[in-house]
């Protein structure tokens, strides 16, 4: 029996296409949309926006200026912190140098005066005590002279202690406390300087500006996203995996991605898949409804051509070779 080879080849192609279609019908595509890794540059201070250096859609390098915020209030804080630092440094130098020679000389003079006063008070007390032995003065007069002498002696001891304190220098503990105060003041100033520098918002990495929620003159609150950026070398497809197919997938599986409106097919790799289902109420975890659970997964697209794809396009993904 003679077989027509052209007709046989066409039959095999048709059969292969039919088998592929049947396989795809048995395993419908994973559907989703293209996404890029997204980062948000937030406001560290609630200061007004002065100017924008970029517009939505611009692609910038890492470190490029994006926006300027008003820094006048922060500059006053920095000036105050710098003054506190200067005061702490001066206090440390004063303690390290010790007392001035003029201060020591004054303390010596005070001690000499206190000793002379003590001698006078002692002489007066002895004179009054002698008169008391002859009953020429009252006992209260003697008591007053004795109290005055004791007071002068205490003043002499205080002046002597003050002189010794000045001549022996500053205690090490006081110097350590002053040095710690200087370091604390430096840390406060460095923190304020860092915050001041961040009022000039820069791109943390290379990427494209996706959204600018605020306008010039707006005063965003602390933590608000000033700039939303799309970053990365290539987009990824965010798809949802039905529960019956979840156990068959593993990280590294290859897929063919079809992008809506583009004829070519992109190759992709499964880079992550969630362990918890998405958009699922608690009562859908058992029974017939369990088959309706879906798990979010991400397919990273290959090739330089994929880097030109915009975010948001619908896609469908098939396992490679299906």
C-alpha atoms as a PDB file:
ATOM      1  CA  UNK A   1       0.000   0.000   0.000  1.00  0.00           C
ATOM      2  CA  UNK A   2       1.454   3.388  -0.991  1.00  0.00           C
ATOM      3  CA  UNK A   3       1.388   6.240   1.488  1.00  0.00           C
ATOM      4  CA  UNK A   4       1.363   9.861   0.312  1.00  0.00           C
ATOM      5  CA  UNK A   5       4.246  11.431   2.287  1.00  0.00           C
ATOM      6  CA  UNK A   6       3.091  15.079   2.012  1.00  0.00           C
ATOM      7  CA  UNK A   7      -0.329  14.167   3.301  1.00  0.00           C
ATOM      8  CA  UNK A   8       1.276  12.125   6.117  1.00  0.00           C
ATOM      9  CA  UNK A   9       3.429  15.094   7.175  1.00  0.00           C
ATOM     10  CA  UNK A  10       0.436  17.401   7.240  1.00  0.00           C
ATOM     11  CA  UNK A  11      -1.463  14.844   9.286  1.00  0.00           C
ATOM     12  CA  UNK A  12       1.363  14.626  11.839  1.00  0.00           C
ATOM     13  CA  UNK A  13       1.527  18.424  12.166  1.00  0.00           C
ATOM     14  CA  UNK A  14      -2.209  18.622  12.636  1.00  0.00           C
ATOM     15  CA  UNK A  15      -2.098  15.847  15.212  1.00  0.00           C
ATOM     16  CA  UNK A  16       0.699  17.573  17.105  1.00  0.00           C
ATOM     17  CA  UNK A  17      -1.223  20.854  17.114  1.00  0.00           C
ATOM     18  CA  UNK A  18      -4.330  19.034  18.274  1.00  0.00           C
ATOM     19  CA  UNK A  19      -2.405  17.331  21.094  1.00  0.00           C
ATOM     20  CA  UNK A  20      -0.864  20.660  22.129  1.00  0.00           C
ATOM     21  CA  UNK A  21      -4.269  22.282  22.148  1.00  0.00           C
ATOM     22  CA  UNK A  22      -5.656  19.430  24.219  1.00  0.00           C
ATOM     23  CA  UNK A  23      -2.763  19.752  26.668  1.00  0.00           C
ATOM     24  CA  UNK A  24      -3.342  23.488  26.979  1.00  0.00           C
ATOM     25  CA  UNK A  25      -7.043  22.940  27.453  1.00  0.00           C
ATOM     26  CA  UNK A  26      -6.244  20.467  30.242  1.00  0.00           C
ATOM     27  CA  UNK A  27      -3.845  22.985  31.861  1.00  0.00           C
ATOM     28  CA  UNK A  28      -5.178  26.488  31.178  1.00  0.00           C
ATOM     29  CA  UNK A  29      -2.632  29.329  31.381  1.00  0.00           C
ATOM     30  CA  UNK A  30      -1.722  31.144  34.523  1.00  0.00           C
ATOM     31  CA  UNK A  31      -3.029  34.653  34.104  1.00  0.00           C
ATOM     32  CA  UNK A  32      -1.866  37.893  35.623  1.00  0.00           C
ATOM     33  CA  UNK A  33      -0.104  41.121  34.727  1.00  0.00           C
ATOM     34  CA  UNK A  34       3.386  42.507  34.229  1.00  0.00           C
ATOM     35  CA  UNK A  35       4.955  44.259  37.195  1.00  0.00           C
ATOM     36  CA  UNK A  36       8.267  45.871  38.081  1.00  0.00           C
ATOM     37  CA  UNK A  37       9.937  45.901  41.478  1.00  0.00           C
ATOM     38  CA  UNK A  38       8.710  49.073  43.110  1.00  0.00           C
ATOM     39  CA  UNK A  39      10.357  51.202  45.781  1.00  0.00           C
ATOM     40  CA  UNK A  40       9.024  54.265  47.595  1.00  0.00           C
ATOM     41  CA  UNK A  41      11.180  57.232  48.630  1.00  0.00           C
ATOM     42  CA  UNK A  42       9.567  58.649  51.766  1.00  0.00           C
ATOM     43  CA  UNK A  43       9.659  62.029  53.529  1.00  0.00           C
ATOM     44  CA  UNK A  44      11.720  62.171  56.718  1.00  0.00           C
ATOM     45  CA  UNK A  45      10.391  65.592  57.730  1.00  0.00           C
ATOM     46  CA  UNK A  46       7.048  67.297  57.144  1.00  0.00           C
ATOM     47  CA  UNK A  47       8.481  70.155  55.095  1.00  0.00           C
ATOM     48  CA  UNK A  48       7.020  71.794  51.960  1.00  0.00           C
ATOM     49  CA  UNK A  49       8.135  70.689  48.489  1.00  0.00           C
ATOM     50  CA  UNK A  50      10.256  73.409  46.878  1.00  0.00           C
ATOM     51  CA  UNK A  51      10.984  71.936  43.450  1.00  0.00           C
ATOM     52  CA  UNK A  52      10.989  68.766  41.382  1.00  0.00           C
ATOM     53  CA  UNK A  53      14.019  67.714  39.335  1.00  0.00           C
ATOM     54  CA  UNK A  54      12.186  64.893  37.508  1.00  0.00           C
ATOM     55  CA  UNK A  55       8.839  64.121  35.942  1.00  0.00           C
ATOM     56  CA  UNK A  56       6.784  60.945  35.845  1.00  0.00           C
ATOM     57  CA  UNK A  57       8.313  58.514  33.362  1.00  0.00           C
ATOM     58  CA  UNK A  58      11.880  59.820  33.675  1.00  0.00           C
ATOM     59  CA  UNK A  59      14.598  57.214  34.142  1.00  0.00           C
ATOM     60  CA  UNK A  60      17.391  58.263  36.489  1.00  0.00           C
ATOM     61  CA  UNK A  61      20.678  56.922  37.814  1.00  0.00           C
ATOM     62  CA  UNK A  62      21.319  56.074  41.441  1.00  0.00           C
ATOM     63  CA  UNK A  63      21.966  59.226  43.462  1.00  0.00           C
ATOM     64  CA  UNK A  64      20.207  61.580  41.052  1.00  0.00           C
ATOM     65  CA  UNK A  65      18.291  64.464  42.684  1.00  0.00           C
ATOM     66  CA  UNK A  66      14.533  63.936  42.596  1.00  0.00           C
ATOM     67  CA  UNK A  67      13.003  66.664  44.774  1.00  0.00           C
ATOM     68  CA  UNK A  68      14.019  69.477  47.121  1.00  0.00           C
ATOM     69  CA  UNK A  69      12.199  70.155  50.417  1.00  0.00           C
ATOM     70  CA  UNK A  70      12.331  73.355  52.464  1.00  0.00           C
ATOM     71  CA  UNK A  71      15.348  73.099  54.834  1.00  0.00           C
ATOM     72  CA  UNK A  72      15.100  76.382  56.777  1.00  0.00           C
ATOM     73  CA  UNK A  73      13.583  74.863  59.915  1.00  0.00           C
ATOM     74  CA  UNK A  74      16.181  72.085  59.912  1.00  0.00           C
ATOM     75  CA  UNK A  75      18.978  74.640  59.477  1.00  0.00           C
ATOM     76  CA  UNK A  76      17.924  76.371  62.703  1.00  0.00           C
ATOM     77  CA  UNK A  77      18.006  73.046  64.552  1.00  0.00           C
ATOM     78  CA  UNK A  78      21.505  72.425  63.210  1.00  0.00           C
ATOM     79  CA  UNK A  79      22.657  75.890  64.338  1.00  0.00           C
ATOM     80  CA  UNK A  80      21.332  75.211  67.849  1.00  0.00           C
ATOM     81  CA  UNK A  81      23.025  71.806  67.973  1.00  0.00           C
ATOM     82  CA  UNK A  82      26.310  73.318  66.774  1.00  0.00           C
ATOM     83  CA  UNK A  83      26.149  75.897  69.575  1.00  0.00           C
ATOM     84  CA  UNK A  84      25.528  73.164  72.157  1.00  0.00           C
ATOM     85  CA  UNK A  85      28.539  71.274  70.820  1.00  0.00           C
ATOM     86  CA  UNK A  86      30.777  74.333  71.098  1.00  0.00           C
ATOM     87  CA  UNK A  87      29.608  74.858  74.677  1.00  0.00           C
ATOM     88  CA  UNK A  88      30.347  71.234  75.595  1.00  0.00           C
ATOM     89  CA  UNK A  89      33.797  71.377  73.988  1.00  0.00           C
ATOM     90  CA  UNK A  90      34.642  74.590  75.857  1.00  0.00           C
ATOM     91  CA  UNK A  91      33.557  73.002  79.135  1.00  0.00           C
ATOM     92  CA  UNK A  92      35.798  70.006  78.467  1.00  0.00           C
ATOM     93  CA  UNK A  93      38.786  72.244  77.723  1.00  0.00           C
ATOM     94  CA  UNK A  94      38.141  74.229  80.892  1.00  0.00           C
ATOM     95  CA  UNK A  95      38.153  71.086  83.015  1.00  0.00           C
ATOM     96  CA  UNK A  96      41.222  69.675  81.251  1.00  0.00           C
ATOM     97  CA  UNK A  97      43.256  72.868  81.788  1.00  0.00           C
ATOM     98  CA  UNK A  98      42.300  73.177  85.444  1.00  0.00           C
ATOM     99  CA  UNK A  99      41.937  76.379  87.449  1.00  0.00           C
ATOM    100  CA  UNK A 100      43.558  79.607  86.275  1.00  0.00           C
ATOM    101  CA  UNK A 101      46.529  80.907  88.237  1.00  0.00           C
ATOM    102  CA  UNK A 102      44.532  84.025  89.120  1.00  0.00           C
ATOM    103  CA  UNK A 103      41.819  81.871  90.704  1.00  0.00           C
ATOM    104  CA  UNK A 104      44.428  79.996  92.734  1.00  0.00           C
ATOM    105  CA  UNK A 105      46.020  83.263  93.881  1.00  0.00           C
ATOM    106  CA  UNK A 106      42.614  84.523  94.994  1.00  0.00           C
ATOM    107  CA  UNK A 107      42.039  81.309  96.957  1.00  0.00           C
ATOM    108  CA  UNK A 108      45.438  81.719  98.673  1.00  0.00           C
ATOM    109  CA  UNK A 109      44.534  85.290  99.620  1.00  0.00           C
ATOM    110  CA  UNK A 110      41.190  84.131 101.059  1.00  0.00           C
ATOM    111  CA  UNK A 111      42.996  81.522 103.140  1.00  0.00           C
ATOM    112  CA  UNK A 112      45.462  84.097 104.468  1.00  0.00           C
ATOM    113  CA  UNK A 113      42.620  86.442 105.404  1.00  0.00           C
ATOM    114  CA  UNK A 114      40.761  83.607 107.115  1.00  0.00           C
ATOM    115  CA  UNK A 115      43.854  82.736 109.192  1.00  0.00           C
ATOM    116  CA  UNK A 116      44.322  86.349 110.320  1.00  0.00           C
ATOM    117  CA  UNK A 117      40.657  86.552 111.294  1.00  0.00           C
ATOM    118  CA  UNK A 118      40.977  83.270 113.168  1.00  0.00           C
ATOM    119  CA  UNK A 119      44.009  84.566 115.088  1.00  0.00           C
ATOM    120  CA  UNK A 120      42.117  87.714 116.050  1.00  0.00           C
ATOM    121  CA  UNK A 121      39.134  85.672 117.207  1.00  0.00           C
ATOM    122  CA  UNK A 122      41.398  83.354 119.236  1.00  0.00           C
ATOM    123  CA  UNK A 123      43.156  86.313 120.886  1.00  0.00           C
ATOM    124  CA  UNK A 124      39.802  87.890 121.743  1.00  0.00           C
ATOM    125  CA  UNK A 125      38.547  84.646 123.242  1.00  0.00           C
ATOM    126  CA  UNK A 126      41.655  84.284 125.442  1.00  0.00           C
ATOM    127  CA  UNK A 127      41.320  87.883 126.651  1.00  0.00           C
ATOM    128  CA  UNK A 128      37.665  87.451 127.582  1.00  0.00           C
ATOM    129  CA  UNK A 129      38.394  84.134 129.301  1.00  0.00           C
ATOM    130  CA  UNK A 130      41.081  85.845 131.426  1.00  0.00           C
ATOM    131  CA  UNK A 131      38.634  88.554 132.424  1.00  0.00           C
ATOM    132  CA  UNK A 132      36.090  85.911 133.391  1.00  0.00           C
ATOM    133  CA  UNK A 133      38.528  84.397 135.871  1.00  0.00           C
ATOM    134  CA  UNK A 134      38.479  87.741 137.677  1.00  0.00           C
ATOM    135  CA  UNK A 135      34.705  88.009 137.390  1.00  0.00           C
ATOM    136  CA  UNK A 136      34.963  91.119 135.223  1.00  0.00           C
ATOM    137  CA  UNK A 137      32.720  89.830 132.413  1.00  0.00           C
ATOM    138  CA  UNK A 138      29.636  87.687 132.201  1.00  0.00           C
ATOM    139  CA  UNK A 139      29.759  84.044 131.173  1.00  0.00           C
ATOM    140  CA  UNK A 140      27.668  84.857 128.086  1.00  0.00           C
ATOM    141  CA  UNK A 141      30.436  87.127 126.819  1.00  0.00           C
ATOM    142  CA  UNK A 142      32.869  84.243 127.010  1.00  0.00           C
ATOM    143  CA  UNK A 143      30.474  81.978 125.164  1.00  0.00           C
ATOM    144  CA  UNK A 144      30.091  84.525 122.386  1.00  0.00           C
ATOM    145  CA  UNK A 145      33.858  84.894 122.014  1.00  0.00           C
ATOM    146  CA  UNK A 146      34.273  81.118 121.905  1.00  0.00           C
ATOM    147  CA  UNK A 147      31.585  80.778 119.195  1.00  0.00           C
ATOM    148  CA  UNK A 148      33.197  83.530 117.136  1.00  0.00           C
ATOM    149  CA  UNK A 149      36.607  81.797 117.372  1.00  0.00           C
ATOM    150  CA  UNK A 150      35.131  78.415 116.308  1.00  0.00           C
ATOM    151  CA  UNK A 151      33.375  80.061 113.374  1.00  0.00           C
ATOM    152  CA  UNK A 152      36.627  81.647 112.174  1.00  0.00           C
ATOM    153  CA  UNK A 153      38.396  78.289 112.462  1.00  0.00           C
ATOM    154  CA  UNK A 154      35.701  76.676 110.250  1.00  0.00           C
ATOM    155  CA  UNK A 155      36.090  79.454 107.695  1.00  0.00           C
ATOM    156  CA  UNK A 156      39.838  78.860 107.657  1.00  0.00           C
ATOM    157  CA  UNK A 157      39.390  75.132 107.045  1.00  0.00           C
ATOM    158  CA  UNK A 158      36.926  75.867 104.194  1.00  0.00           C
ATOM    159  CA  UNK A 159      39.341  78.284 102.528  1.00  0.00           C
ATOM    160  CA  UNK A 160      42.169  75.760 102.884  1.00  0.00           C
ATOM    161  CA  UNK A 161      40.026  72.989 101.307  1.00  0.00           C
ATOM    162  CA  UNK A 162      39.068  75.261  98.408  1.00  0.00           C
ATOM    163  CA  UNK A 163      42.726  76.051  97.725  1.00  0.00           C
ATOM    164  CA  UNK A 164      43.700  72.366  97.792  1.00  0.00           C
ATOM    165  CA  UNK A 165      40.836  71.563  95.368  1.00  0.00           C
ATOM    166  CA  UNK A 166      42.093  74.147  92.899  1.00  0.00           C
ATOM    167  CA  UNK A 167      45.749  73.115  93.138  1.00  0.00           C
ATOM    168  CA  UNK A 168      45.086  69.370  92.793  1.00  0.00           C
ATOM    169  CA  UNK A 169      43.266  69.792  89.471  1.00  0.00           C
ATOM    170  CA  UNK A 170      40.022  68.412  88.039  1.00  0.00           C
ATOM    171  CA  UNK A 171      38.841  64.929  88.982  1.00  0.00           C
ATOM    172  CA  UNK A 172      39.091  62.339  86.133  1.00  0.00           C
ATOM    173  CA  UNK A 173      35.406  61.546  86.484  1.00  0.00           C
ATOM    174  CA  UNK A 174      34.476  65.153  85.697  1.00  0.00           C
ATOM    175  CA  UNK A 175      36.634  65.131  82.586  1.00  0.00           C
ATOM    176  CA  UNK A 176      35.047  61.853  81.461  1.00  0.00           C
ATOM    177  CA  UNK A 177      31.568  63.301  81.954  1.00  0.00           C
ATOM    178  CA  UNK A 178      32.477  66.382  79.929  1.00  0.00           C
ATOM    179  CA  UNK A 179      33.966  64.222  77.162  1.00  0.00           C
ATOM    180  CA  UNK A 180      30.784  62.130  77.066  1.00  0.00           C
ATOM    181  CA  UNK A 181      28.729  65.324  76.771  1.00  0.00           C
ATOM    182  CA  UNK A 182      30.850  66.375  73.784  1.00  0.00           C
ATOM    183  CA  UNK A 183      30.317  63.021  72.048  1.00  0.00           C
ATOM    184  CA  UNK A 184      26.568  63.207  72.665  1.00  0.00           C
ATOM    185  CA  UNK A 185      26.448  66.712  71.184  1.00  0.00           C
ATOM    186  CA  UNK A 186      28.405  65.501  68.137  1.00  0.00           C
ATOM    187  CA  UNK A 187      25.963  62.618  67.621  1.00  0.00           C
ATOM    188  CA  UNK A 188      22.967  64.964  67.767  1.00  0.00           C
ATOM    189  CA  UNK A 189      24.593  67.280  65.229  1.00  0.00           C
ATOM    190  CA  UNK A 190      25.476  64.392  62.904  1.00  0.00           C
ATOM    191  CA  UNK A 191      21.890  63.123  63.034  1.00  0.00           C
ATOM    192  CA  UNK A 192      20.522  66.567  62.194  1.00  0.00           C
ATOM    193  CA  UNK A 193      23.032  66.961  59.352  1.00  0.00           C
ATOM    194  CA  UNK A 194      21.978  63.605  57.913  1.00  0.00           C
ATOM    195  CA  UNK A 195      18.317  64.555  58.057  1.00  0.00           C
ATOM    196  CA  UNK A 196      19.171  67.910  56.449  1.00  0.00           C
ATOM    197  CA  UNK A 197      20.957  66.143  53.585  1.00  0.00           C
ATOM    198  CA  UNK A 198      17.904  63.962  53.036  1.00  0.00           C
ATOM    199  CA  UNK A 199      15.716  66.985  52.436  1.00  0.00           C
ATOM    200  CA  UNK A 200      17.358  66.808  49.029  1.00  0.00           C
ATOM    201  CA  UNK A 201      15.671  63.596  47.939  1.00  0.00           C
ATOM    202  CA  UNK A 202      17.884  61.379  45.777  1.00  0.00           C
ATOM    203  CA  UNK A 203      17.216  58.156  43.917  1.00  0.00           C
ATOM    204  CA  UNK A 204      18.341  55.229  46.109  1.00  0.00           C
ATOM    205  CA  UNK A 205      19.024  53.162  42.986  1.00  0.00           C
ATOM    206  CA  UNK A 206      18.684  53.397  39.234  1.00  0.00           C
ATOM    207  CA  UNK A 207      15.153  53.191  37.921  1.00  0.00           C
ATOM    208  CA  UNK A 208      12.212  55.034  36.380  1.00  0.00           C
ATOM    209  CA  UNK A 209       9.901  57.458  38.145  1.00  0.00           C
ATOM    210  CA  UNK A 210       6.416  55.958  38.234  1.00  0.00           C
ATOM    211  CA  UNK A 211       4.442  58.396  40.375  1.00  0.00           C
ATOM    212  CA  UNK A 212       4.881  61.805  42.018  1.00  0.00           C
ATOM    213  CA  UNK A 213       1.914  62.160  44.411  1.00  0.00           C
ATOM    214  CA  UNK A 214       2.754  65.712  45.581  1.00  0.00           C
ATOM    215  CA  UNK A 215       3.160  69.070  43.876  1.00  0.00           C
ATOM    216  CA  UNK A 216       5.323  72.113  44.600  1.00  0.00           C
ATOM    217  CA  UNK A 217       4.030  73.775  47.755  1.00  0.00           C
ATOM    218  CA  UNK A 218       2.508  70.609  49.218  1.00  0.00           C
ATOM    219  CA  UNK A 219       3.640  69.644  52.722  1.00  0.00           C
ATOM    220  CA  UNK A 220       3.725  65.842  52.853  1.00  0.00           C
ATOM    221  CA  UNK A 221       3.537  64.204  56.293  1.00  0.00           C
ATOM    222  CA  UNK A 222       6.437  62.238  57.735  1.00  0.00           C
ATOM    223  CA  UNK A 223       6.634  58.812  56.094  1.00  0.00           C
ATOM    224  CA  UNK A 224       4.618  59.786  53.024  1.00  0.00           C
ATOM    225  CA  UNK A 225       5.875  58.419  49.692  1.00  0.00           C
ATOM    226  CA  UNK A 226       7.293  61.381  47.789  1.00  0.00           C
ATOM    227  CA  UNK A 227       8.421  59.318  44.802  1.00  0.00           C
ATOM    228  CA  UNK A 228       7.439  55.854  43.589  1.00  0.00           C
ATOM    229  CA  UNK A 229      10.088  54.227  41.385  1.00  0.00           C
ATOM    230  CA  UNK A 230      10.183  51.132  39.196  1.00  0.00           C
ATOM    231  CA  UNK A 231      13.542  49.391  39.521  1.00  0.00           C
ATOM    232  CA  UNK A 232      15.251  46.205  38.383  1.00  0.00           C
ATOM    233  CA  UNK A 233      16.726  44.799  35.198  1.00  0.00           C
ATOM    234  CA  UNK A 234      13.526  43.185  33.918  1.00  0.00           C
ATOM    235  CA  UNK A 235       9.833  43.025  34.768  1.00  0.00           C
ATOM    236  CA  UNK A 236       8.132  40.021  36.282  1.00  0.00           C
ATOM    237  CA  UNK A 237       4.745  38.480  35.709  1.00  0.00           C
ATOM    238  CA  UNK A 238       2.501  38.321  38.733  1.00  0.00           C
ATOM    239  CA  UNK A 239       0.223  35.325  38.235  1.00  0.00           C
ATOM    240  CA  UNK A 240      -2.195  33.322  40.346  1.00  0.00           C
ATOM    241  CA  UNK A 241      -1.854  29.541  40.609  1.00  0.00           C
ATOM    242  CA  UNK A 242      -5.008  27.447  41.222  1.00  0.00           C
ATOM    243  CA  UNK A 243      -4.836  25.112  44.214  1.00  0.00           C
ATOM    244  CA  UNK A 244      -4.865  21.854  42.152  1.00  0.00           C
ATOM    245  CA  UNK A 245      -1.683  22.989  40.318  1.00  0.00           C
ATOM    246  CA  UNK A 246       0.149  24.398  43.329  1.00  0.00           C
ATOM    247  CA  UNK A 247       1.860  21.152  44.388  1.00  0.00           C
ATOM    248  CA  UNK A 248       3.322  20.580  40.896  1.00  0.00           C
ATOM    249  CA  UNK A 249       5.248  23.850  40.834  1.00  0.00           C
ATOM    250  CA  UNK A 250       8.662  24.564  42.306  1.00  0.00           C
ATOM    251  CA  UNK A 251      11.075  27.472  42.249  1.00  0.00           C
ATOM    252  CA  UNK A 252      13.073  27.497  39.009  1.00  0.00           C
ATOM    253  CA  UNK A 253      10.345  26.057  36.759  1.00  0.00           C
ATOM    254  CA  UNK A 254      10.375  27.527  33.262  1.00  0.00           C
ATOM    255  CA  UNK A 255       7.393  29.196  31.573  1.00  0.00           C
ATOM    256  CA  UNK A 256       6.436  30.772  28.286  1.00  0.00           C
ATOM    257  CA  UNK A 257       4.799  34.167  28.772  1.00  0.00           C
ATOM    258  CA  UNK A 258       2.414  35.700  26.241  1.00  0.00           C
ATOM    259  CA  UNK A 259       1.948  39.455  26.661  1.00  0.00           C
ATOM    260  CA  UNK A 260      -1.292  41.043  25.495  1.00  0.00           C
ATOM    261  CA  UNK A 261      -0.772  42.945  22.265  1.00  0.00           C
ATOM    262  CA  UNK A 262       2.725  41.525  21.542  1.00  0.00           C
ATOM    263  CA  UNK A 263       3.274  38.661  19.114  1.00  0.00           C
ATOM    264  CA  UNK A 264       6.512  37.254  20.508  1.00  0.00           C
ATOM    265  CA  UNK A 265       6.759  34.775  23.385  1.00  0.00           C
ATOM    266  CA  UNK A 266       8.991  35.543  26.392  1.00  0.00           C
ATOM    267  CA  UNK A 267      10.781  32.953  28.480  1.00  0.00           C
ATOM    268  CA  UNK A 268      10.464  33.246  32.243  1.00  0.00           C
ATOM    269  CA  UNK A 269      11.512  31.522  35.473  1.00  0.00           C
ATOM    270  CA  UNK A 270       9.368  30.967  38.552  1.00  0.00           C
ATOM    271  CA  UNK A 271      11.195  32.924  41.277  1.00  0.00           C
ATOM    272  CA  UNK A 272       8.652  32.842  44.092  1.00  0.00           C
ATOM    273  CA  UNK A 273       5.271  31.473  45.081  1.00  0.00           C
ATOM    274  CA  UNK A 274       3.299  32.322  48.182  1.00  0.00           C
ATOM    275  CA  UNK A 275       2.498  29.699  50.786  1.00  0.00           C
ATOM    276  CA  UNK A 276      -0.770  31.373  51.754  1.00  0.00           C
ATOM    277  CA  UNK A 277      -3.760  31.646  49.417  1.00  0.00           C
ATOM    278  CA  UNK A 278      -4.970  35.004  48.152  1.00  0.00           C
ATOM    279  CA  UNK A 279      -8.448  36.540  48.362  1.00  0.00           C
ATOM    280  CA  UNK A 280      -9.826  33.543  50.250  1.00  0.00           C
ATOM    281  CA  UNK A 281     -12.305  33.637  53.161  1.00  0.00           C
ATOM    282  CA  UNK A 282     -11.814  31.172  55.996  1.00  0.00           C
ATOM    283  CA  UNK A 283     -14.848  29.048  55.016  1.00  0.00           C
ATOM    284  CA  UNK A 284     -13.319  28.271  51.586  1.00  0.00           C
ATOM    285  CA  UNK A 285     -10.466  26.185  52.987  1.00  0.00           C
ATOM    286  CA  UNK A 286     -12.274  22.848  52.799  1.00  0.00           C
ATOM    287  CA  UNK A 287     -14.717  20.986  50.617  1.00  0.00           C
ATOM    288  CA  UNK A 288     -15.469  21.816  46.989  1.00  0.00           C
ATOM    289  CA  UNK A 289     -14.439  25.433  47.449  1.00  0.00           C
ATOM    290  CA  UNK A 290     -10.832  24.415  48.239  1.00  0.00           C
ATOM    291  CA  UNK A 291     -10.167  23.916  44.533  1.00  0.00           C
ATOM    292  CA  UNK A 292     -10.860  27.606  43.983  1.00  0.00           C
ATOM    293  CA  UNK A 293      -7.942  28.760  46.134  1.00  0.00           C
ATOM    294  CA  UNK A 294      -5.205  30.630  44.285  1.00  0.00           C
ATOM    295  CA  UNK A 295      -1.595  31.333  45.237  1.00  0.00           C
ATOM    296  CA  UNK A 296       0.274  34.378  44.037  1.00  0.00           C
ATOM    297  CA  UNK A 297       3.488  33.645  42.119  1.00  0.00           C
ATOM    298  CA  UNK A 298       6.120  35.691  40.297  1.00  0.00           C
ATOM    299  CA  UNK A 299       7.733  34.781  36.963  1.00  0.00           C
ATOM    300  CA  UNK A 300      10.927  36.676  36.135  1.00  0.00           C
ATOM    301  CA  UNK A 301      11.204  37.357  32.386  1.00  0.00           C
ATOM    302  CA  UNK A 302      14.448  36.645  30.494  1.00  0.00           C
ATOM    303  CA  UNK A 303      16.198  38.689  27.828  1.00  0.00           C
ATOM    304  CA  UNK A 304      17.053  42.312  27.231  1.00  0.00           C
ATOM    305  CA  UNK A 305      13.877  42.789  25.186  1.00  0.00           C
ATOM    306  CA  UNK A 306      11.777  42.243  28.303  1.00  0.00           C
ATOM    307  CA  UNK A 307      13.289  45.336  29.936  1.00  0.00           C
ATOM    308  CA  UNK A 308      11.335  47.496  27.479  1.00  0.00           C
ATOM    309  CA  UNK A 309       7.954  46.168  28.562  1.00  0.00           C
ATOM    310  CA  UNK A 310       5.737  48.518  30.582  1.00  0.00           C
ATOM    311  CA  UNK A 311       4.013  47.534  33.798  1.00  0.00           C
ATOM    312  CA  UNK A 312       0.349  46.639  33.872  1.00  0.00           C
ATOM    313  CA  UNK A 313       0.007  44.640  30.642  1.00  0.00           C
ATOM    314  CA  UNK A 314      -2.110  41.462  30.945  1.00  0.00           C
ATOM    315  CA  UNK A 315      -0.209  38.189  30.410  1.00  0.00           C
ATOM    316  CA  UNK A 316      -0.827  34.460  30.205  1.00  0.00           C
ATOM    317  CA  UNK A 317       1.866  31.913  31.113  1.00  0.00           C
ATOM    318  CA  UNK A 318       2.216  28.257  30.051  1.00  0.00           C
ATOM    319  CA  UNK A 319       4.737  25.733  31.385  1.00  0.00           C
ATOM    320  CA  UNK A 320       7.692  25.520  28.963  1.00  0.00           C
ATOM    321  CA  UNK A 321       7.246  22.848  26.342  1.00  0.00           C
ATOM    322  CA  UNK A 322       3.506  22.597  26.787  1.00  0.00           C
END
